[in-house]
Amino acid sequence: MRFVELAEGVDDDTWLDHLRRHDYSTWFRESIKDPDLAGEAEEVESDDSIDPQASRRLIAEAVERRYTVPE
């Protein structure tokens, strides 16, 4: 969840730079050891039509689905 909090505070240019370099999926795959989350992030990273806000939201939703307790 810390990732989601930090992502909200990153400016769009920095977010997109990391997104286009596939840094998020790499981090999820290699550091978090979550290949499913990495795959979902990779789909977002590969879609150049998604704007920064939408890509941030889609990746945050993927993280939240896996790492928050249902209410």
PDB file of N, CA and C in Angstrom:
ATOM      1  N   MET A   1       0.823  -1.190   0.000  1.00  0.00           N
ATOM      2  CA  MET A   1       0.000   0.000   0.000  1.00  0.00           C
ATOM      3  C   MET A   1       0.872   1.260   0.000  1.00  0.00           C
ATOM      4  N   ARG A   2       2.074   1.124   0.513  1.00  0.00           N
ATOM      5  CA  ARG A   2       2.982   2.280   0.508  1.00  0.00           C
ATOM      6  C   ARG A   2       3.258   2.714  -0.927  1.00  0.00           C
ATOM      7  N   PHE A   3       3.347   1.754  -1.843  1.00  0.00           N
ATOM      8  CA  PHE A   3       3.561   2.072  -3.251  1.00  0.00           C
ATOM      9  C   PHE A   3       2.442   2.969  -3.759  1.00  0.00           C
ATOM     10  N   VAL A   4       1.211   2.637  -3.445  1.00  0.00           N
ATOM     11  CA  VAL A   4       0.050   3.412  -3.899  1.00  0.00           C
ATOM     12  C   VAL A   4       0.114   4.826  -3.333  1.00  0.00           C
ATOM     13  N   GLU A   5       0.469   4.940  -2.062  1.00  0.00           N
ATOM     14  CA  GLU A   5       0.577   6.267  -1.442  1.00  0.00           C
ATOM     15  C   GLU A   5       1.655   7.103  -2.128  1.00  0.00           C
ATOM     16  N   LEU A   6       2.804   6.493  -2.371  1.00  0.00           N
ATOM     17  CA  LEU A   6       3.894   7.214  -3.029  1.00  0.00           C
ATOM     18  C   LEU A   6       3.527   7.593  -4.465  1.00  0.00           C
ATOM     19  N   ALA A   7       2.847   6.695  -5.161  1.00  0.00           N
ATOM     20  CA  ALA A   7       2.473   6.946  -6.558  1.00  0.00           C
ATOM     21  C   ALA A   7       1.579   8.173  -6.691  1.00  0.00           C
ATOM     22  N   GLU A   8       0.734   8.382  -5.713  1.00  0.00           N
ATOM     23  CA  GLU A   8      -0.166   9.538  -5.752  1.00  0.00           C
ATOM     24  C   GLU A   8       0.591  10.856  -5.704  1.00  0.00           C
ATOM     25  N   GLY A   9       1.776  10.860  -5.094  1.00  0.00           N
ATOM     26  CA  GLY A   9       2.538  12.088  -4.947  1.00  0.00           C
ATOM     27  C   GLY A   9       3.568  12.337  -6.034  1.00  0.00           C
ATOM     28  N   VAL A  10       3.685  11.413  -6.981  1.00  0.00           N
ATOM     29  CA  VAL A  10       4.674  11.548  -8.054  1.00  0.00           C
ATOM     30  C   VAL A  10       4.092  12.388  -9.186  1.00  0.00           C
ATOM     31  N   ASP A  11       4.891  13.326  -9.690  1.00  0.00           N
ATOM     32  CA  ASP A  11       4.392  14.141 -10.803  1.00  0.00           C
ATOM     33  C   ASP A  11       4.238  13.277 -12.061  1.00  0.00           C
ATOM     34  N   ASP A  12       3.404  13.730 -12.970  1.00  0.00           N
ATOM     35  CA  ASP A  12       3.067  12.950 -14.166  1.00  0.00           C
ATOM     36  C   ASP A  12       4.288  12.598 -15.020  1.00  0.00           C
ATOM     37  N   ASP A  13       5.213  13.527 -15.194  1.00  0.00           N
ATOM     38  CA  ASP A  13       6.381  13.243 -16.035  1.00  0.00           C
ATOM     39  C   ASP A  13       7.236  12.131 -15.440  1.00  0.00           C
ATOM     40  N   THR A  14       7.455  12.176 -14.142  1.00  0.00           N
ATOM     41  CA  THR A  14       8.245  11.132 -13.479  1.00  0.00           C
ATOM     42  C   THR A  14       7.519   9.799 -13.539  1.00  0.00           C
ATOM     43  N   TRP A  15       6.218   9.820 -13.266  1.00  0.00           N
ATOM     44  CA  TRP A  15       5.414   8.594 -13.325  1.00  0.00           C
ATOM     45  C   TRP A  15       5.528   7.959 -14.713  1.00  0.00           C
ATOM     46  N   LEU A  16       5.330   8.767 -15.752  1.00  0.00           N
ATOM     47  CA  LEU A  16       5.377   8.241 -17.120  1.00  0.00           C
ATOM     48  C   LEU A  16       6.761   7.731 -17.498  1.00  0.00           C
ATOM     49  N   ASP A  17       7.793   8.394 -17.044  1.00  0.00           N
ATOM     50  CA  ASP A  17       9.149   7.944 -17.325  1.00  0.00           C
ATOM     51  C   ASP A  17       9.353   6.525 -16.788  1.00  0.00           C
ATOM     52  N   HIS A  18       8.975   6.294 -15.560  1.00  0.00           N
ATOM     53  CA  HIS A  18       9.103   4.955 -14.972  1.00  0.00           C
ATOM     54  C   HIS A  18       8.150   3.960 -15.635  1.00  0.00           C
ATOM     55  N   LEU A  19       6.961   4.428 -15.970  1.00  0.00           N
ATOM     56  CA  LEU A  19       5.966   3.559 -16.616  1.00  0.00           C
ATOM     57  C   LEU A  19       6.487   3.066 -17.957  1.00  0.00           C
ATOM     58  N   ARG A  20       6.999   3.968 -18.774  1.00  0.00           N
ATOM     59  CA  ARG A  20       7.460   3.598 -20.121  1.00  0.00           C
ATOM     60  C   ARG A  20       8.708   2.721 -20.099  1.00  0.00           C
ATOM     61  N   ARG A  21       9.479   2.798 -19.000  1.00  0.00           N
ATOM     62  CA  ARG A  21      10.659   1.941 -18.865  1.00  0.00           C
ATOM     63  C   ARG A  21      10.305   0.600 -18.218  1.00  0.00           C
ATOM     64  N   HIS A  22       9.025   0.410 -17.930  1.00  0.00           N
ATOM     65  CA  HIS A  22       8.526  -0.824 -17.311  1.00  0.00           C
ATOM     66  C   HIS A  22       9.130  -1.056 -15.932  1.00  0.00           C
ATOM     67  N   ASP A  23       9.419   0.023 -15.240  1.00  0.00           N
ATOM     68  CA  ASP A  23      10.002  -0.087 -13.905  1.00  0.00           C
ATOM     69  C   ASP A  23       9.032  -0.702 -12.894  1.00  0.00           C
ATOM     70  N   TYR A  24       7.753  -0.404 -13.026  1.00  0.00           N
ATOM     71  CA  TYR A  24       6.785  -0.898 -12.049  1.00  0.00           C
ATOM     72  C   TYR A  24       6.629  -2.411 -12.155  1.00  0.00           C
ATOM     73  N   SER A  25       6.434  -2.922 -13.360  1.00  0.00           N
ATOM     74  CA  SER A  25       6.296  -4.377 -13.507  1.00  0.00           C
ATOM     75  C   SER A  25       7.587  -5.093 -13.109  1.00  0.00           C
ATOM     76  N   THR A  26       8.717  -4.500 -13.423  1.00  0.00           N
ATOM     77  CA  THR A  26       9.999  -5.106 -13.037  1.00  0.00           C
ATOM     78  C   THR A  26      10.107  -5.183 -11.518  1.00  0.00           C
ATOM     79  N   TRP A  27       9.738  -4.112 -10.848  1.00  0.00           N
ATOM     80  CA  TRP A  27       9.801  -4.089  -9.388  1.00  0.00           C
ATOM     81  C   TRP A  27       8.841  -5.114  -8.780  1.00  0.00           C
ATOM     82  N   PHE A  28       7.617  -5.177  -9.302  1.00  0.00           N
ATOM     83  CA  PHE A  28       6.656  -6.153  -8.783  1.00  0.00           C
ATOM     84  C   PHE A  28       7.162  -7.580  -9.003  1.00  0.00           C
ATOM     85  N   ARG A  29       7.752  -7.829 -10.141  1.00  0.00           N
ATOM     86  CA  ARG A  29       8.238  -9.169 -10.471  1.00  0.00           C
ATOM     87  C   ARG A  29       9.485  -9.527  -9.651  1.00  0.00           C
ATOM     88  N   GLU A  30      10.459  -8.634  -9.613  1.00  0.00           N
ATOM     89  CA  GLU A  30      11.752  -8.971  -9.027  1.00  0.00           C
ATOM     90  C   GLU A  30      11.846  -8.706  -7.528  1.00  0.00           C
ATOM     91  N   SER A  31      11.267  -7.629  -7.062  1.00  0.00           N
ATOM     92  CA  SER A  31      11.385  -7.289  -5.643  1.00  0.00           C
ATOM     93  C   SER A  31      10.223  -7.828  -4.814  1.00  0.00           C
ATOM     94  N   ILE A  32       9.010  -7.686  -5.328  1.00  0.00           N
ATOM     95  CA  ILE A  32       7.823  -8.126  -4.600  1.00  0.00           C
ATOM     96  C   ILE A  32       7.560  -9.613  -4.833  1.00  0.00           C
ATOM     97  N   LYS A  33       8.095 -10.139  -5.929  1.00  0.00           N
ATOM     98  CA  LYS A  33       7.915 -11.559  -6.292  1.00  0.00           C
ATOM     99  C   LYS A  33       6.446 -11.882  -6.569  1.00  0.00           C
ATOM    100  N   ASP A  34       5.798 -10.991  -7.302  1.00  0.00           N
ATOM    101  CA  ASP A  34       4.392 -11.174  -7.650  1.00  0.00           C
ATOM    102  C   ASP A  34       4.262 -11.090  -9.166  1.00  0.00           C
ATOM    103  N   PRO A  35       4.408 -12.239  -9.853  1.00  0.00           N
ATOM    104  CA  PRO A  35       4.354 -12.220 -11.312  1.00  0.00           C
ATOM    105  C   PRO A  35       2.995 -11.832 -11.879  1.00  0.00           C
ATOM    106  N   ASP A  36       1.921 -12.134 -11.160  1.00  0.00           N
ATOM    107  CA  ASP A  36       0.588 -11.764 -11.644  1.00  0.00           C
ATOM    108  C   ASP A  36       0.399 -10.255 -11.623  1.00  0.00           C
ATOM    109  N   LEU A  37       0.804  -9.626 -10.538  1.00  0.00           N
ATOM    110  CA  LEU A  37       0.733  -8.172 -10.453  1.00  0.00           C
ATOM    111  C   LEU A  37       1.650  -7.546 -11.497  1.00  0.00           C
ATOM    112  N   ALA A  38       2.824  -8.122 -11.682  1.00  0.00           N
ATOM    113  CA  ALA A  38       3.755  -7.620 -12.705  1.00  0.00           C
ATOM    114  C   ALA A  38       3.127  -7.698 -14.090  1.00  0.00           C
ATOM    115  N   GLY A  39       2.448  -8.781 -14.381  1.00  0.00           N
ATOM    116  CA  GLY A  39       1.798  -8.931 -15.679  1.00  0.00           C
ATOM    117  C   GLY A  39       0.714  -7.905 -15.907  1.00  0.00           C
ATOM    118  N   GLU A  40      -0.054  -7.645 -14.871  1.00  0.00           N
ATOM    119  CA  GLU A  40      -1.113  -6.647 -14.988  1.00  0.00           C
ATOM    120  C   GLU A  40      -0.518  -5.250 -15.189  1.00  0.00           C
ATOM    121  N   ALA A  41       0.539  -4.946 -14.449  1.00  0.00           N
ATOM    122  CA  ALA A  41       1.209  -3.654 -14.605  1.00  0.00           C
ATOM    123  C   ALA A  41       1.821  -3.531 -15.995  1.00  0.00           C
ATOM    124  N   GLU A  42       2.361  -4.614 -16.491  1.00  0.00           N
ATOM    125  CA  GLU A  42       2.983  -4.609 -17.818  1.00  0.00           C
ATOM    126  C   GLU A  42       1.970  -4.266 -18.916  1.00  0.00           C
ATOM    127  N   GLU A  43       0.743  -4.739 -18.757  1.00  0.00           N
ATOM    128  CA  GLU A  43      -0.305  -4.394 -19.725  1.00  0.00           C
ATOM    129  C   GLU A  43      -0.536  -2.886 -19.750  1.00  0.00           C
ATOM    130  N   VAL A  44      -0.567  -2.286 -18.584  1.00  0.00           N
ATOM    131  CA  VAL A  44      -0.762  -0.840 -18.493  1.00  0.00           C
ATOM    132  C   VAL A  44       0.451  -0.114 -19.066  1.00  0.00           C
ATOM    133  N   GLU A  45       1.634  -0.581 -18.709  1.00  0.00           N
ATOM    134  CA  GLU A  45       2.870   0.049 -19.185  1.00  0.00           C
ATOM    135  C   GLU A  45       2.979   0.012 -20.711  1.00  0.00           C
ATOM    136  N   SER A  46       2.425  -1.005 -21.320  1.00  0.00           N
ATOM    137  CA  SER A  46       2.552  -1.186 -22.769  1.00  0.00           C
ATOM    138  C   SER A  46       1.508  -0.432 -23.580  1.00  0.00           C
ATOM    139  N   ASP A  47       0.527   0.142 -22.926  1.00  0.00           N
ATOM    140  CA  ASP A  47      -0.548   0.850 -23.617  1.00  0.00           C
ATOM    141  C   ASP A  47      -0.270   2.356 -23.605  1.00  0.00           C
ATOM    142  N   ASP A  48       0.272   2.865 -24.703  1.00  0.00           N
ATOM    143  CA  ASP A  48       0.631   4.278 -24.801  1.00  0.00           C
ATOM    144  C   ASP A  48      -0.572   5.216 -24.833  1.00  0.00           C
ATOM    145  N   SER A  49      -1.775   4.672 -24.998  1.00  0.00           N
ATOM    146  CA  SER A  49      -2.954   5.530 -25.069  1.00  0.00           C
ATOM    147  C   SER A  49      -3.489   5.908 -23.688  1.00  0.00           C
ATOM    148  N   ILE A  50      -2.989   5.269 -22.633  1.00  0.00           N
ATOM    149  CA  ILE A  50      -3.475   5.536 -21.284  1.00  0.00           C
ATOM    150  C   ILE A  50      -2.724   6.737 -20.707  1.00  0.00           C
ATOM    151  N   ASP A  51      -3.469   7.715 -20.209  1.00  0.00           N
ATOM    152  CA  ASP A  51      -2.841   8.916 -19.647  1.00  0.00           C
ATOM    153  C   ASP A  51      -2.281   8.620 -18.251  1.00  0.00           C
ATOM    154  N   PRO A  52      -1.462   9.523 -17.711  1.00  0.00           N
ATOM    155  CA  PRO A  52      -0.820   9.268 -16.418  1.00  0.00           C
ATOM    156  C   PRO A  52      -1.804   8.973 -15.284  1.00  0.00           C
ATOM    157  N   GLN A  53      -2.876   9.732 -15.200  1.00  0.00           N
ATOM    158  CA  GLN A  53      -3.837   9.528 -14.124  1.00  0.00           C
ATOM    159  C   GLN A  53      -4.505   8.154 -14.226  1.00  0.00           C
ATOM    160  N   ALA A  54      -4.897   7.766 -15.429  1.00  0.00           N
ATOM    161  CA  ALA A  54      -5.555   6.474 -15.621  1.00  0.00           C
ATOM    162  C   ALA A  54      -4.591   5.323 -15.351  1.00  0.00           C
ATOM    163  N   SER A  55      -3.354   5.445 -15.805  1.00  0.00           N
ATOM    164  CA  SER A  55      -2.389   4.368 -15.582  1.00  0.00           C
ATOM    165  C   SER A  55      -2.086   4.229 -14.096  1.00  0.00           C
ATOM    166  N   ARG A  56      -1.976   5.347 -13.401  1.00  0.00           N
ATOM    167  CA  ARG A  56      -1.737   5.317 -11.960  1.00  0.00           C
ATOM    168  C   ARG A  56      -2.913   4.638 -11.261  1.00  0.00           C
ATOM    169  N   ARG A  57      -4.129   4.984 -11.674  1.00  0.00           N
ATOM    170  CA  ARG A  57      -5.327   4.389 -11.069  1.00  0.00           C
ATOM    171  C   ARG A  57      -5.393   2.886 -11.331  1.00  0.00           C
ATOM    172  N   LEU A  58      -5.113   2.460 -12.569  1.00  0.00           N
ATOM    173  CA  LEU A  58      -5.192   1.044 -12.916  1.00  0.00           C
ATOM    174  C   LEU A  58      -4.173   0.211 -12.140  1.00  0.00           C
ATOM    175  N   ILE A  59      -2.965   0.728 -12.004  1.00  0.00           N
ATOM    176  CA  ILE A  59      -1.953  -0.009 -11.252  1.00  0.00           C
ATOM    177  C   ILE A  59      -2.300  -0.009  -9.769  1.00  0.00           C
ATOM    178  N   ALA A  60      -2.777   1.102  -9.247  1.00  0.00           N
ATOM    179  CA  ALA A  60      -3.189   1.164  -7.839  1.00  0.00           C
ATOM    180  C   ALA A  60      -4.316   0.166  -7.567  1.00  0.00           C
ATOM    181  N   GLU A  61      -5.269   0.064  -8.465  1.00  0.00           N
ATOM    182  CA  GLU A  61      -6.373  -0.884  -8.292  1.00  0.00           C
ATOM    183  C   GLU A  61      -5.862  -2.319  -8.275  1.00  0.00           C
ATOM    184  N   ALA A  62      -4.886  -2.621  -9.127  1.00  0.00           N
ATOM    185  CA  ALA A  62      -4.312  -3.969  -9.157  1.00  0.00           C
ATOM    186  C   ALA A  62      -3.609  -4.284  -7.834  1.00  0.00           C
ATOM    187  N   VAL A  63      -2.883  -3.323  -7.309  1.00  0.00           N
ATOM    188  CA  VAL A  63      -2.204  -3.510  -6.021  1.00  0.00           C
ATOM    189  C   VAL A  63      -3.238  -3.708  -4.915  1.00  0.00           C
ATOM    190  N   GLU A  64      -4.246  -2.857  -4.891  1.00  0.00           N
ATOM    191  CA  GLU A  64      -5.259  -2.917  -3.842  1.00  0.00           C
ATOM    192  C   GLU A  64      -6.042  -4.226  -3.876  1.00  0.00           C
ATOM    193  N   ARG A  65      -6.320  -4.753  -5.047  1.00  0.00           N
ATOM    194  CA  ARG A  65      -7.034  -6.038  -5.144  1.00  0.00           C
ATOM    195  C   ARG A  65      -6.240  -7.151  -4.478  1.00  0.00           C
ATOM    196  N   ARG A  66      -4.926  -7.071  -4.556  1.00  0.00           N
ATOM    197  CA  ARG A  66      -4.100  -8.145  -4.028  1.00  0.00           C
ATOM    198  C   ARG A  66      -3.659  -7.933  -2.580  1.00  0.00           C
ATOM    199  N   TYR A  67      -3.560  -6.682  -2.167  1.00  0.00           N
ATOM    200  CA  TYR A  67      -2.895  -6.410  -0.896  1.00  0.00           C
ATOM    201  C   TYR A  67      -3.740  -5.637   0.114  1.00  0.00           C
ATOM    202  N   THR A  68      -5.048  -5.628  -0.049  1.00  0.00           N
ATOM    203  CA  THR A  68      -5.912  -5.065   0.993  1.00  0.00           C
ATOM    204  C   THR A  68      -6.915  -6.129   1.419  1.00  0.00           C
ATOM    205  N   VAL A  69      -7.322  -6.015   2.643  1.00  0.00           N
ATOM    206  CA  VAL A  69      -8.292  -6.958   3.203  1.00  0.00           C
ATOM    207  C   VAL A  69      -9.680  -6.499   2.803  1.00  0.00           C
ATOM    208  N   PRO A  70     -10.509  -7.434   2.255  1.00  0.00           N
ATOM    209  CA  PRO A  70     -11.884  -7.049   1.903  1.00  0.00           C
ATOM    210  C   PRO A  70     -12.646  -6.604   3.147  1.00  0.00           C
ATOM    211  N   GLU A  71     -13.494  -5.632   2.962  1.00  0.00           N
ATOM    212  CA  GLU A  71     -14.280  -5.116   4.094  1.00  0.00           C
ATOM    213  C   GLU A  71     -15.464  -5.994   4.375  1.00  0.00           C
TER     214      GLU A  71
END
